[in-house]
PDB file of all heavy atoms in Angstrom:
ATOM      1  N   LEU A   1       0.826  -1.205   0.001  1.00  0.00           N
ATOM      2  CA  LEU A   1       0.001   0.000   0.001  1.00  0.00           C
ATOM      3  C   LEU A   1       0.862   1.256   0.000  1.00  0.00           C
ATOM      4  O   LEU A   1       0.575   2.211  -0.733  1.00  0.00           O
ATOM      5  CB  LEU A   1      -0.932  -0.006   1.220  1.00  0.00           C
ATOM      6  CG  LEU A   1      -2.056  -1.051   1.192  1.00  0.00           C
ATOM      7  CD1 LEU A   1      -2.712  -1.155   2.561  1.00  0.00           C
ATOM      8  CD2 LEU A   1      -3.085  -0.695   0.131  1.00  0.00           C
ATOM      9  N   VAL A   2       1.914   1.255   0.804  1.00  0.00           N
ATOM     10  CA  VAL A   2       2.809   2.415   0.842  1.00  0.00           C
ATOM     11  C   VAL A   2       3.482   2.612  -0.511  1.00  0.00           C
ATOM     12  O   VAL A   2       3.596   3.746  -1.017  1.00  0.00           O
ATOM     13  CB  VAL A   2       3.861   2.240   1.962  1.00  0.00           C
ATOM     14  CG1 VAL A   2       4.958   3.304   1.848  1.00  0.00           C
ATOM     15  CG2 VAL A   2       3.201   2.308   3.329  1.00  0.00           C
ATOM     16  N   TRP A   3       3.906   1.511  -1.129  1.00  0.00           N
ATOM     17  CA  TRP A   3       4.557   1.611  -2.446  1.00  0.00           C
ATOM     18  C   TRP A   3       3.595   2.199  -3.474  1.00  0.00           C
ATOM     19  O   TRP A   3       3.984   3.077  -4.279  1.00  0.00           O
ATOM     20  CB  TRP A   3       5.025   0.232  -2.897  1.00  0.00           C
ATOM     21  CG  TRP A   3       5.685   0.248  -4.243  1.00  0.00           C
ATOM     22  CD1 TRP A   3       7.007   0.483  -4.513  1.00  0.00           C
ATOM     23  CD2 TRP A   3       5.050   0.063  -5.513  1.00  0.00           C
ATOM     24  NE1 TRP A   3       7.234   0.439  -5.875  1.00  0.00           N
ATOM     25  CE2 TRP A   3       6.045   0.188  -6.512  1.00  0.00           C
ATOM     26  CE3 TRP A   3       3.736  -0.202  -5.896  1.00  0.00           C
ATOM     27  CZ2 TRP A   3       5.762   0.056  -7.868  1.00  0.00           C
ATOM     28  CZ3 TRP A   3       3.453  -0.330  -7.246  1.00  0.00           C
ATOM     29  CH2 TRP A   3       4.457  -0.211  -8.220  1.00  0.00           C
ATOM     30  N   VAL A   4       2.349   1.747  -3.495  1.00  0.00           N
ATOM     31  CA  VAL A   4       1.381   2.252  -4.476  1.00  0.00           C
ATOM     32  C   VAL A   4       1.138   3.739  -4.263  1.00  0.00           C
ATOM     33  O   VAL A   4       1.136   4.525  -5.229  1.00  0.00           O
ATOM     34  CB  VAL A   4       0.051   1.473  -4.386  1.00  0.00           C
ATOM     35  CG1 VAL A   4      -1.012   2.144  -5.264  1.00  0.00           C
ATOM     36  CG2 VAL A   4       0.239   0.027  -4.838  1.00  0.00           C
ATOM     37  N   VAL A   5       0.939   4.150  -3.014  1.00  0.00           N
ATOM     38  CA  VAL A   5       0.632   5.557  -2.730  1.00  0.00           C
ATOM     39  C   VAL A   5       1.818   6.452  -3.086  1.00  0.00           C
ATOM     40  O   VAL A   5       1.646   7.527  -3.675  1.00  0.00           O
ATOM     41  CB  VAL A   5       0.229   5.735  -1.256  1.00  0.00           C
ATOM     42  CG1 VAL A   5       0.122   7.221  -0.906  1.00  0.00           C
ATOM     43  CG2 VAL A   5      -1.097   5.028  -0.983  1.00  0.00           C
ATOM     44  N   THR A   6       3.024   6.015  -2.772  1.00  0.00           N
ATOM     45  CA  THR A   6       4.196   6.837  -3.081  1.00  0.00           C
ATOM     46  C   THR A   6       4.503   6.840  -4.583  1.00  0.00           C
ATOM     47  O   THR A   6       5.091   7.797  -5.085  1.00  0.00           O
ATOM     48  CB  THR A   6       5.428   6.342  -2.309  1.00  0.00           C
ATOM     49  OG1 THR A   6       5.644   4.949  -2.595  1.00  0.00           O
ATOM     50  CG2 THR A   6       5.243   6.533  -0.820  1.00  0.00           C
ATOM     51  N   THR A   7       4.108   5.777  -5.289  1.00  0.00           N
ATOM     52  CA  THR A   7       4.388   5.684  -6.724  1.00  0.00           C
ATOM     53  C   THR A   7       3.309   6.345  -7.565  1.00  0.00           C
ATOM     54  O   THR A   7       3.606   7.077  -8.518  1.00  0.00           O
ATOM     55  CB  THR A   7       4.527   4.206  -7.156  1.00  0.00           C
ATOM     56  OG1 THR A   7       5.551   3.592  -6.377  1.00  0.00           O
ATOM     57  CG2 THR A   7       4.875   4.099  -8.633  1.00  0.00           C
ATOM     58  N   HIS A   8       2.042   6.105  -7.201  1.00  0.00           N
ATOM     59  CA  HIS A   8       0.930   6.571  -8.031  1.00  0.00           C
ATOM     60  C   HIS A   8      -0.006   7.549  -7.333  1.00  0.00           C
ATOM     61  O   HIS A   8      -0.829   8.181  -7.992  1.00  0.00           O
ATOM     62  CB  HIS A   8       0.091   5.378  -8.515  1.00  0.00           C
ATOM     63  CG  HIS A   8       0.862   4.397  -9.349  1.00  0.00           C
ATOM     64  ND1 HIS A   8       1.343   4.697 -10.599  1.00  0.00           N
ATOM     65  CD2 HIS A   8       1.232   3.106  -9.095  1.00  0.00           C
ATOM     66  CE1 HIS A   8       1.975   3.638 -11.099  1.00  0.00           C
ATOM     67  NE2 HIS A   8       1.921   2.666 -10.196  1.00  0.00           N
ATOM     68  N   GLY A   9       0.082   7.665  -6.020  1.00  0.00           N
ATOM     69  CA  GLY A   9      -0.822   8.523  -5.274  1.00  0.00           C
ATOM     70  C   GLY A   9      -2.120   7.793  -4.941  1.00  0.00           C
ATOM     71  O   GLY A   9      -2.457   6.750  -5.507  1.00  0.00           O
ATOM     72  N   LEU A  10      -2.886   8.382  -4.029  1.00  0.00           N
ATOM     73  CA  LEU A  10      -4.161   7.783  -3.621  1.00  0.00           C
ATOM     74  C   LEU A  10      -5.184   7.789  -4.741  1.00  0.00           C
ATOM     75  O   LEU A  10      -6.113   6.973  -4.763  1.00  0.00           O
ATOM     76  CB  LEU A  10      -4.722   8.531  -2.412  1.00  0.00           C
ATOM     77  CG  LEU A  10      -4.093   8.212  -1.051  1.00  0.00           C
ATOM     78  CD1 LEU A  10      -4.604   9.180   0.002  1.00  0.00           C
ATOM     79  CD2 LEU A  10      -4.416   6.772  -0.654  1.00  0.00           C
ATOM     80  N   ASP A  11      -5.033   8.717  -5.684  1.00  0.00           N
ATOM     81  CA  ASP A  11      -6.018   8.847  -6.754  1.00  0.00           C
ATOM     82  C   ASP A  11      -6.168   7.582  -7.574  1.00  0.00           C
ATOM     83  O   ASP A  11      -7.213   7.339  -8.180  1.00  0.00           O
ATOM     84  CB  ASP A  11      -5.633  10.000  -7.692  1.00  0.00           C
ATOM     85  CG  ASP A  11      -5.798  11.362  -7.020  1.00  0.00           C
ATOM     86  OD1 ASP A  11      -6.420  11.406  -5.948  1.00  0.00           O
ATOM     87  OD2 ASP A  11      -5.283  12.351  -7.570  1.00  0.00           O
ATOM     88  N   VAL A  12      -5.143   6.752  -7.620  1.00  0.00           N
ATOM     89  CA  VAL A  12      -5.214   5.552  -8.438  1.00  0.00           C
ATOM     90  C   VAL A  12      -6.308   4.608  -7.929  1.00  0.00           C
ATOM     91  O   VAL A  12      -6.985   3.936  -8.714  1.00  0.00           O
ATOM     92  CB  VAL A  12      -3.840   4.840  -8.489  1.00  0.00           C
ATOM     93  CG1 VAL A  12      -3.517   4.152  -7.185  1.00  0.00           C
ATOM     94  CG2 VAL A  12      -3.773   3.864  -9.651  1.00  0.00           C
ATOM     95  N   PHE A  13      -6.522   4.564  -6.607  1.00  0.00           N
ATOM     96  CA  PHE A  13      -7.575   3.722  -6.056  1.00  0.00           C
ATOM     97  C   PHE A  13      -8.950   4.316  -6.338  1.00  0.00           C
ATOM     98  O   PHE A  13      -9.906   3.587  -6.631  1.00  0.00           O
ATOM     99  CB  PHE A  13      -7.371   3.531  -4.550  1.00  0.00           C
ATOM    100  CG  PHE A  13      -6.158   2.727  -4.204  1.00  0.00           C
ATOM    101  CD1 PHE A  13      -5.087   3.310  -3.553  1.00  0.00           C
ATOM    102  CD2 PHE A  13      -6.080   1.377  -4.516  1.00  0.00           C
ATOM    103  CE1 PHE A  13      -3.963   2.572  -3.224  1.00  0.00           C
ATOM    104  CE2 PHE A  13      -4.956   0.626  -4.197  1.00  0.00           C
ATOM    105  CZ  PHE A  13      -3.889   1.229  -3.553  1.00  0.00           C
ATOM    106  N   VAL A  14      -9.046   5.624  -6.242  1.00  0.00           N
ATOM    107  CA  VAL A  14     -10.307   6.284  -6.570  1.00  0.00           C
ATOM    108  C   VAL A  14     -10.652   6.055  -8.037  1.00  0.00           C
ATOM    109  O   VAL A  14     -11.806   5.807  -8.402  1.00  0.00           O
ATOM    110  CB  VAL A  14     -10.220   7.790  -6.258  1.00  0.00           C
ATOM    111  CG1 VAL A  14     -11.514   8.515  -6.658  1.00  0.00           C
ATOM    112  CG2 VAL A  14      -9.924   8.010  -4.780  1.00  0.00           C
ATOM    113  N   ALA A  15      -9.643   6.133  -8.887  1.00  0.00           N
ATOM    114  CA  ALA A  15      -9.854   5.936 -10.329  1.00  0.00           C
ATOM    115  C   ALA A  15     -10.416   4.550 -10.613  1.00  0.00           C
ATOM    116  O   ALA A  15     -11.399   4.390 -11.352  1.00  0.00           O
ATOM    117  CB  ALA A  15      -8.538   6.141 -11.073  1.00  0.00           C
ATOM    118  N   ALA A  16      -9.818   3.532 -10.027  1.00  0.00           N
ATOM    119  CA  ALA A  16     -10.268   2.163 -10.287  1.00  0.00           C
ATOM    120  C   ALA A  16     -11.635   1.898  -9.683  1.00  0.00           C
ATOM    121  O   ALA A  16     -12.408   1.088 -10.208  1.00  0.00           O
ATOM    122  CB  ALA A  16      -9.251   1.172  -9.727  1.00  0.00           C
ATOM    123  N   GLY A  17     -11.966   2.570  -8.579  1.00  0.00           N
ATOM    124  CA  GLY A  17     -13.246   2.344  -7.922  1.00  0.00           C
ATOM    125  C   GLY A  17     -14.441   2.739  -8.764  1.00  0.00           C
ATOM    126  O   GLY A  17     -15.562   2.286  -8.523  1.00  0.00           O
ATOM    127  N   GLY A  18     -14.232   3.581  -9.769  1.00  0.00           N
ATOM    128  CA  GLY A  18     -15.341   4.010 -10.613  1.00  0.00           C
ATOM    129  C   GLY A  18     -15.562   3.120 -11.822  1.00  0.00           C
ATOM    130  O   GLY A  18     -16.375   3.439 -12.682  1.00  0.00           O
ATOM    131  N   THR A  19     -14.851   1.995 -11.903  1.00  0.00           N
ATOM    132  CA  THR A  19     -14.981   1.095 -13.054  1.00  0.00           C
ATOM    133  C   THR A  19     -15.529  -0.258 -12.608  1.00  0.00           C
ATOM    134  O   THR A  19     -15.730  -0.500 -11.419  1.00  0.00           O
ATOM    135  CB  THR A  19     -13.616   0.874 -13.734  1.00  0.00           C
ATOM    136  OG1 THR A  19     -12.738   0.215 -12.808  1.00  0.00           O
ATOM    137  CG2 THR A  19     -13.002   2.209 -14.131  1.00  0.00           C
ATOM    138  N   HIS A  20     -15.817  -1.132 -13.573  1.00  0.00           N
ATOM    139  CA  HIS A  20     -16.279  -2.497 -13.297  1.00  0.00           C
ATOM    140  C   HIS A  20     -17.544  -2.518 -12.446  1.00  0.00           C
ATOM    141  O   HIS A  20     -17.748  -3.391 -11.618  1.00  0.00           O
ATOM    142  CB  HIS A  20     -15.201  -3.323 -12.605  1.00  0.00           C
ATOM    143  CG  HIS A  20     -13.978  -3.543 -13.425  1.00  0.00           C
ATOM    144  ND1 HIS A  20     -12.996  -2.586 -13.568  1.00  0.00           N
ATOM    145  CD2 HIS A  20     -13.577  -4.599 -14.180  1.00  0.00           C
ATOM    146  CE1 HIS A  20     -12.027  -3.052 -14.352  1.00  0.00           C
ATOM    147  NE2 HIS A  20     -12.365  -4.274 -14.739  1.00  0.00           N
ATOM    148  N   GLY A  21     -18.416  -1.525 -12.635  1.00  0.00           N
ATOM    149  CA  GLY A  21     -19.653  -1.481 -11.873  1.00  0.00           C
ATOM    150  C   GLY A  21     -19.532  -0.670 -10.611  1.00  0.00           C
ATOM    151  O   GLY A  21     -20.497  -0.067 -10.150  1.00  0.00           O
ATOM    152  N   GLY A  22     -18.323  -0.621 -10.011  1.00  0.00           N
ATOM    153  CA  GLY A  22     -18.114   0.173  -8.828  1.00  0.00           C
ATOM    154  C   GLY A  22     -18.857  -0.363  -7.612  1.00  0.00           C
ATOM    155  O   GLY A  22     -19.667  -1.267  -7.673  1.00  0.00           O
ATOM    156  N   VAL A  23     -18.536   0.205  -6.439  1.00  0.00           N
ATOM    157  CA  VAL A  23     -19.251  -0.140  -5.231  1.00  0.00           C
ATOM    158  C   VAL A  23     -20.691   0.328  -5.360  1.00  0.00           C
ATOM    159  O   VAL A  23     -20.967   1.445  -5.788  1.00  0.00           O
ATOM    160  CB  VAL A  23     -18.566   0.519  -4.009  1.00  0.00           C
ATOM    161  CG1 VAL A  23     -19.369   0.265  -2.751  1.00  0.00           C
ATOM    162  CG2 VAL A  23     -17.140  -0.007  -3.861  1.00  0.00           C
ATOM    163  N   GLY A  24     -21.620  -0.532  -4.987  1.00  0.00           N
ATOM    164  CA  GLY A  24     -23.027  -0.233  -5.164  1.00  0.00           C
ATOM    165  C   GLY A  24     -23.576  -0.692  -6.502  1.00  0.00           C
ATOM    166  O   GLY A  24     -24.741  -0.469  -6.810  1.00  0.00           O
ATOM    167  N   GLY A  25     -22.723  -1.363  -7.291  1.00  0.00           N
ATOM    168  CA  GLY A  25     -23.150  -1.773  -8.627  1.00  0.00           C
ATOM    169  C   GLY A  25     -24.231  -2.824  -8.641  1.00  0.00           C
ATOM    170  O   GLY A  25     -24.872  -3.045  -9.670  1.00  0.00           O
ATOM    171  N   GLY A  26     -24.480  -3.484  -7.492  1.00  0.00           N
ATOM    172  CA  GLY A  26     -25.530  -4.486  -7.451  1.00  0.00           C
ATOM    173  C   GLY A  26     -26.916  -3.920  -7.625  1.00  0.00           C
ATOM    174  O   GLY A  26     -27.841  -4.635  -8.029  1.00  0.00           O
ATOM    175  N   VAL A  27     -27.081  -2.639  -7.306  1.00  0.00           N
ATOM    176  CA  VAL A  27     -28.398  -2.010  -7.477  1.00  0.00           C
ATOM    177  C   VAL A  27     -28.826  -2.066  -8.936  1.00  0.00           C
ATOM    178  O   VAL A  27     -29.970  -2.377  -9.258  1.00  0.00           O
ATOM    179  CB  VAL A  27     -28.353  -0.552  -6.978  1.00  0.00           C
ATOM    180  CG1 VAL A  27     -29.694   0.139  -7.238  1.00  0.00           C
ATOM    181  CG2 VAL A  27     -28.009  -0.514  -5.497  1.00  0.00           C
ATOM    182  N   ALA A  28     -27.881  -1.782  -9.839  1.00  0.00           N
ATOM    183  CA  ALA A  28     -28.206  -1.829 -11.268  1.00  0.00           C
ATOM    184  C   ALA A  28     -28.597  -3.233 -11.690  1.00  0.00           C
ATOM    185  O   ALA A  28     -29.473  -3.413 -12.533  1.00  0.00           O
ATOM    186  CB  ALA A  28     -27.006  -1.347 -12.086  1.00  0.00           C
ATOM    187  N   THR A  29     -27.961  -4.246 -11.095  1.00  0.00           N
ATOM    188  CA  THR A  29     -28.300  -5.634 -11.414  1.00  0.00           C
ATOM    189  C   THR A  29     -29.746  -5.941 -11.041  1.00  0.00           C
ATOM    190  O   THR A  29     -30.480  -6.582 -11.797  1.00  0.00           O
ATOM    191  CB  THR A  29     -27.364  -6.607 -10.674  1.00  0.00           C
ATOM    192  OG1 THR A  29     -26.007  -6.301 -11.025  1.00  0.00           O
ATOM    193  CG2 THR A  29     -27.656  -8.048 -11.043  1.00  0.00           C
TER     194      THR A  29
END
């Protein structure tokens, strides 16, 4: 986790969270 944050920043996790249906994607299902 430290390596990812220092290499790419926290934004990389936010970026991925908006794809593949995202959290809460079951509602659409």
